[in-house]
Amino acid sequence: MLGLGKIASKILGSANDRKVRAYRARVEAINALEDELKALSDEALKARTAAFREELENGKKLDDLLVPAFATVREAARRVLGQRHYDVQLIGGMV
């Protein structure tokens, strides 16, 4: 017979499974911004970091900026280094 914890784990997944799902949802949101950021000029992409800084100064939480900031960093790396972060690397950065 399964205990209540095991039943909940089977239905909801383990705590780790739930965390990974949350990370994957954020990666999907980051990926959704990719085409929009590719279309920006270098100057417009650079201006996003100043906008993030201003939002933080105005009380926005770091967690609220994670998706657009990671998407911006990924695009900057693609342009400067010619390398695009893999999804698992984004998750590693979130952990």
N, C-alpha and C. Protein backbone atom coordinates (compact mmCIF):
# COMPACT_ATOMS: atom_id res chain seq x y z
N MET A 1 0.84 -1.18 0.00
CA MET A 1 0.00 0.00 0.00
C MET A 1 0.89 1.25 0.00
N LEU A 2 0.53 2.22 -0.81
CA LEU A 2 1.30 3.45 -0.91
C LEU A 2 0.90 4.44 0.18
N GLY A 3 1.90 5.12 0.71
CA GLY A 3 1.63 6.17 1.68
C GLY A 3 1.14 7.42 0.97
N LEU A 4 0.62 8.34 1.72
CA LEU A 4 0.08 9.58 1.16
C LEU A 4 1.15 10.36 0.39
N GLY A 5 2.37 10.39 0.91
CA GLY A 5 3.47 11.09 0.24
C GLY A 5 3.78 10.49 -1.11
N LYS A 6 3.77 9.16 -1.19
CA LYS A 6 4.06 8.48 -2.46
C LYS A 6 2.96 8.73 -3.47
N ILE A 7 1.73 8.76 -3.00
CA ILE A 7 0.60 9.02 -3.90
C ILE A 7 0.71 10.44 -4.46
N ALA A 8 0.98 11.39 -3.58
CA ALA A 8 1.13 12.78 -4.02
C ALA A 8 2.29 12.91 -5.01
N SER A 9 3.38 12.21 -4.74
CA SER A 9 4.54 12.26 -5.62
C SER A 9 4.20 11.68 -6.99
N LYS A 10 3.42 10.62 -7.02
CA LYS A 10 3.04 10.02 -8.31
C LYS A 10 2.15 10.96 -9.11
N ILE A 11 1.27 11.67 -8.42
CA ILE A 11 0.34 12.57 -9.11
C ILE A 11 1.03 13.87 -9.50
N LEU A 12 1.72 14.49 -8.56
CA LEU A 12 2.31 15.81 -8.76
C LEU A 12 3.75 15.78 -9.23
N GLY A 13 4.39 14.63 -9.09
CA GLY A 13 5.81 14.53 -9.38
C GLY A 13 6.61 14.87 -8.13
N SER A 14 7.87 14.51 -8.16
CA SER A 14 8.72 14.80 -7.00
C SER A 14 8.98 16.31 -6.93
N ALA A 15 9.54 16.74 -5.83
CA ALA A 15 9.89 18.16 -5.69
C ALA A 15 10.85 18.57 -6.80
N ASN A 16 11.78 17.70 -7.12
CA ASN A 16 12.73 17.99 -8.20
C ASN A 16 12.02 18.11 -9.54
N ASP A 17 11.07 17.21 -9.82
CA ASP A 17 10.32 17.27 -11.07
C ASP A 17 9.59 18.60 -11.20
N ARG A 18 9.00 19.07 -10.12
CA ARG A 18 8.28 20.34 -10.15
C ARG A 18 9.23 21.51 -10.41
N LYS A 19 10.41 21.47 -9.81
CA LYS A 19 11.40 22.54 -10.05
C LYS A 19 11.86 22.54 -11.50
N VAL A 20 12.13 21.36 -12.03
CA VAL A 20 12.59 21.26 -13.41
C VAL A 20 11.51 21.76 -14.36
N ARG A 21 10.24 21.44 -14.09
CA ARG A 21 9.15 21.95 -14.92
C ARG A 21 9.11 23.48 -14.90
N ALA A 22 9.31 24.05 -13.73
CA ALA A 22 9.32 25.52 -13.63
C ALA A 22 10.47 26.12 -14.43
N TYR A 23 11.65 25.50 -14.35
CA TYR A 23 12.80 25.98 -15.12
C TYR A 23 12.52 25.86 -16.62
N ARG A 24 11.94 24.74 -17.02
CA ARG A 24 11.65 24.54 -18.45
C ARG A 24 10.65 25.57 -18.96
N ALA A 25 9.68 25.93 -18.12
CA ALA A 25 8.71 26.95 -18.52
C ALA A 25 9.41 28.28 -18.76
N ARG A 26 10.38 28.60 -17.93
CA ARG A 26 11.13 29.84 -18.12
C ARG A 26 11.98 29.78 -19.38
N VAL A 27 12.58 28.62 -19.65
CA VAL A 27 13.38 28.47 -20.87
C VAL A 27 12.49 28.66 -22.09
N GLU A 28 11.27 28.13 -22.06
CA GLU A 28 10.34 28.33 -23.17
C GLU A 28 10.04 29.81 -23.37
N ALA A 29 9.88 30.54 -22.27
CA ALA A 29 9.62 31.98 -22.35
C ALA A 29 10.84 32.71 -22.93
N ILE A 30 12.03 32.28 -22.53
CA ILE A 30 13.27 32.87 -23.07
C ILE A 30 13.35 32.60 -24.57
N ASN A 31 13.08 31.37 -24.96
CA ASN A 31 13.12 31.00 -26.38
C ASN A 31 12.11 31.79 -27.20
N ALA A 32 10.97 32.10 -26.59
CA ALA A 32 9.93 32.85 -27.30
C ALA A 32 10.38 34.27 -27.64
N LEU A 33 11.34 34.80 -26.91
CA LEU A 33 11.85 36.16 -27.16
C LEU A 33 12.96 36.20 -28.21
N GLU A 34 13.44 35.05 -28.63
CA GLU A 34 14.63 34.98 -29.48
C GLU A 34 14.49 35.77 -30.78
N ASP A 35 13.41 35.57 -31.52
CA ASP A 35 13.25 36.26 -32.80
C ASP A 35 13.15 37.77 -32.61
N GLU A 36 12.44 38.18 -31.56
CA GLU A 36 12.30 39.61 -31.27
C GLU A 36 13.66 40.25 -31.00
N LEU A 37 14.51 39.56 -30.25
CA LEU A 37 15.82 40.12 -29.91
C LEU A 37 16.78 40.07 -31.09
N LYS A 38 16.66 39.06 -31.94
CA LYS A 38 17.50 39.00 -33.13
C LYS A 38 17.27 40.20 -34.04
N ALA A 39 16.04 40.72 -34.02
CA ALA A 39 15.68 41.83 -34.89
C ALA A 39 16.20 43.18 -34.38
N LEU A 40 16.63 43.23 -33.13
CA LEU A 40 17.10 44.49 -32.56
C LEU A 40 18.50 44.85 -33.08
N SER A 41 18.75 46.14 -33.16
CA SER A 41 20.11 46.59 -33.49
C SER A 41 21.00 46.35 -32.28
N ASP A 42 22.30 46.43 -32.48
CA ASP A 42 23.23 46.27 -31.36
C ASP A 42 22.97 47.32 -30.29
N GLU A 43 22.68 48.53 -30.73
CA GLU A 43 22.43 49.62 -29.78
C GLU A 43 21.16 49.35 -28.96
N ALA A 44 20.13 48.88 -29.62
CA ALA A 44 18.87 48.60 -28.92
C ALA A 44 19.04 47.44 -27.95
N LEU A 45 19.83 46.45 -28.35
CA LEU A 45 20.09 45.32 -27.45
C LEU A 45 20.86 45.80 -26.22
N LYS A 46 21.85 46.63 -26.44
CA LYS A 46 22.64 47.16 -25.32
C LYS A 46 21.78 48.02 -24.40
N ALA A 47 20.85 48.75 -24.96
CA ALA A 47 19.98 49.62 -24.16
C ALA A 47 19.09 48.82 -23.21
N ARG A 48 18.86 47.57 -23.53
CA ARG A 48 18.03 46.74 -22.65
C ARG A 48 18.67 46.58 -21.27
N THR A 49 19.99 46.51 -21.21
CA THR A 49 20.64 46.35 -19.90
C THR A 49 20.44 47.60 -19.04
N ALA A 50 20.49 48.76 -19.66
CA ALA A 50 20.23 50.00 -18.92
C ALA A 50 18.78 50.02 -18.44
N ALA A 51 17.89 49.53 -19.27
CA ALA A 51 16.47 49.47 -18.88
C ALA A 51 16.27 48.51 -17.71
N PHE A 52 16.98 47.38 -17.73
CA PHE A 52 16.89 46.43 -16.61
C PHE A 52 17.37 47.09 -15.32
N ARG A 53 18.48 47.80 -15.41
CA ARG A 53 19.05 48.47 -14.24
C ARG A 53 18.05 49.48 -13.67
N GLU A 54 17.42 50.23 -14.56
CA GLU A 54 16.43 51.23 -14.13
C GLU A 54 15.22 50.55 -13.46
N GLU A 55 14.78 49.45 -14.04
CA GLU A 55 13.65 48.73 -13.45
C GLU A 55 13.99 48.22 -12.05
N LEU A 56 15.21 47.75 -11.87
CA LEU A 56 15.64 47.29 -10.55
C LEU A 56 15.65 48.45 -9.55
N GLU A 57 16.16 49.59 -9.99
CA GLU A 57 16.19 50.76 -9.12
C GLU A 57 14.79 51.22 -8.74
N ASN A 58 13.82 50.94 -9.61
CA ASN A 58 12.44 51.33 -9.35
C ASN A 58 11.66 50.26 -8.59
N GLY A 59 12.37 49.25 -8.08
CA GLY A 59 11.73 48.27 -7.22
C GLY A 59 11.35 46.95 -7.84
N LYS A 60 11.61 46.76 -9.11
CA LYS A 60 11.31 45.48 -9.72
C LYS A 60 12.26 44.43 -9.17
N LYS A 61 11.77 43.21 -9.01
CA LYS A 61 12.58 42.13 -8.46
C LYS A 61 13.42 41.47 -9.55
N LEU A 62 14.58 40.98 -9.14
CA LEU A 62 15.46 40.26 -10.07
C LEU A 62 14.73 39.11 -10.74
N ASP A 63 13.94 38.40 -9.97
CA ASP A 63 13.21 37.25 -10.50
C ASP A 63 12.28 37.65 -11.64
N ASP A 64 11.73 38.86 -11.56
CA ASP A 64 10.82 39.33 -12.61
C ASP A 64 11.57 39.65 -13.90
N LEU A 65 12.85 39.90 -13.80
CA LEU A 65 13.66 40.25 -14.97
C LEU A 65 14.44 39.06 -15.52
N LEU A 66 14.33 37.92 -14.89
CA LEU A 66 15.14 36.77 -15.29
C LEU A 66 14.94 36.41 -16.75
N VAL A 67 13.71 36.26 -17.19
CA VAL A 67 13.45 35.83 -18.57
C VAL A 67 13.99 36.83 -19.58
N PRO A 68 13.62 38.10 -19.51
CA PRO A 68 14.17 39.02 -20.52
C PRO A 68 15.68 39.21 -20.41
N ALA A 69 16.22 39.16 -19.20
CA ALA A 69 17.68 39.32 -19.03
C ALA A 69 18.43 38.13 -19.62
N PHE A 70 17.96 36.92 -19.35
CA PHE A 70 18.62 35.74 -19.91
C PHE A 70 18.51 35.74 -21.43
N ALA A 71 17.36 36.14 -21.96
CA ALA A 71 17.19 36.20 -23.41
C ALA A 71 18.15 37.22 -24.02
N THR A 72 18.34 38.33 -23.35
CA THR A 72 19.26 39.37 -23.83
C THR A 72 20.70 38.88 -23.80
N VAL A 73 21.09 38.23 -22.73
CA VAL A 73 22.45 37.69 -22.62
C VAL A 73 22.69 36.63 -23.69
N ARG A 74 21.70 35.79 -23.91
CA ARG A 74 21.85 34.74 -24.93
C ARG A 74 22.08 35.38 -26.30
N GLU A 75 21.31 36.39 -26.63
CA GLU A 75 21.46 37.06 -27.93
C GLU A 75 22.80 37.78 -28.02
N ALA A 76 23.22 38.43 -26.95
CA ALA A 76 24.52 39.10 -26.96
C ALA A 76 25.65 38.09 -27.17
N ALA A 77 25.57 36.95 -26.53
CA ALA A 77 26.59 35.91 -26.70
C ALA A 77 26.59 35.39 -28.14
N ARG A 78 25.41 35.25 -28.70
CA ARG A 78 25.32 34.78 -30.09
C ARG A 78 26.01 35.77 -31.02
N ARG A 79 25.79 37.06 -30.78
CA ARG A 79 26.39 38.08 -31.66
C ARG A 79 27.89 38.23 -31.45
N VAL A 80 28.33 38.26 -30.21
CA VAL A 80 29.73 38.53 -29.91
C VAL A 80 30.60 37.29 -30.06
N LEU A 81 30.13 36.18 -29.52
CA LEU A 81 30.94 34.96 -29.51
C LEU A 81 30.59 33.99 -30.64
N GLY A 82 29.44 34.22 -31.27
CA GLY A 82 28.99 33.29 -32.30
C GLY A 82 28.48 31.99 -31.70
N GLN A 83 28.14 32.02 -30.43
CA GLN A 83 27.66 30.82 -29.75
C GLN A 83 26.35 31.12 -29.03
N ARG A 84 25.41 30.20 -29.15
CA ARG A 84 24.11 30.35 -28.51
C ARG A 84 24.05 29.41 -27.32
N HIS A 85 23.63 29.92 -26.17
CA HIS A 85 23.50 29.07 -24.99
C HIS A 85 22.47 27.97 -25.25
N TYR A 86 22.81 26.76 -24.84
CA TYR A 86 21.84 25.66 -24.89
C TYR A 86 20.83 25.85 -23.76
N ASP A 87 19.66 25.25 -23.95
CA ASP A 87 18.62 25.36 -22.93
C ASP A 87 19.10 24.87 -21.57
N VAL A 88 19.85 23.78 -21.55
CA VAL A 88 20.33 23.25 -20.26
C VAL A 88 21.31 24.22 -19.60
N GLN A 89 22.03 25.00 -20.39
CA GLN A 89 22.92 26.00 -19.81
C GLN A 89 22.12 27.13 -19.16
N LEU A 90 21.00 27.47 -19.75
CA LEU A 90 20.12 28.48 -19.15
C LEU A 90 19.59 27.97 -17.81
N ILE A 91 19.18 26.71 -17.79
CA ILE A 91 18.69 26.12 -16.53
C ILE A 91 19.80 26.14 -15.49
N GLY A 92 21.01 25.81 -15.89
CA GLY A 92 22.15 25.85 -14.97
C GLY A 92 22.37 27.23 -14.40
N GLY A 93 22.15 28.25 -15.20
CA GLY A 93 22.28 29.62 -14.73
C GLY A 93 21.18 30.01 -13.75
N MET A 94 20.03 29.39 -13.88
CA MET A 94 18.91 29.68 -12.97
C MET A 94 19.08 29.03 -11.61
N VAL A 95 19.76 27.89 -11.62
CA VAL A 95 19.94 27.15 -10.37
C VAL A 95 20.92 27.88 -9.53
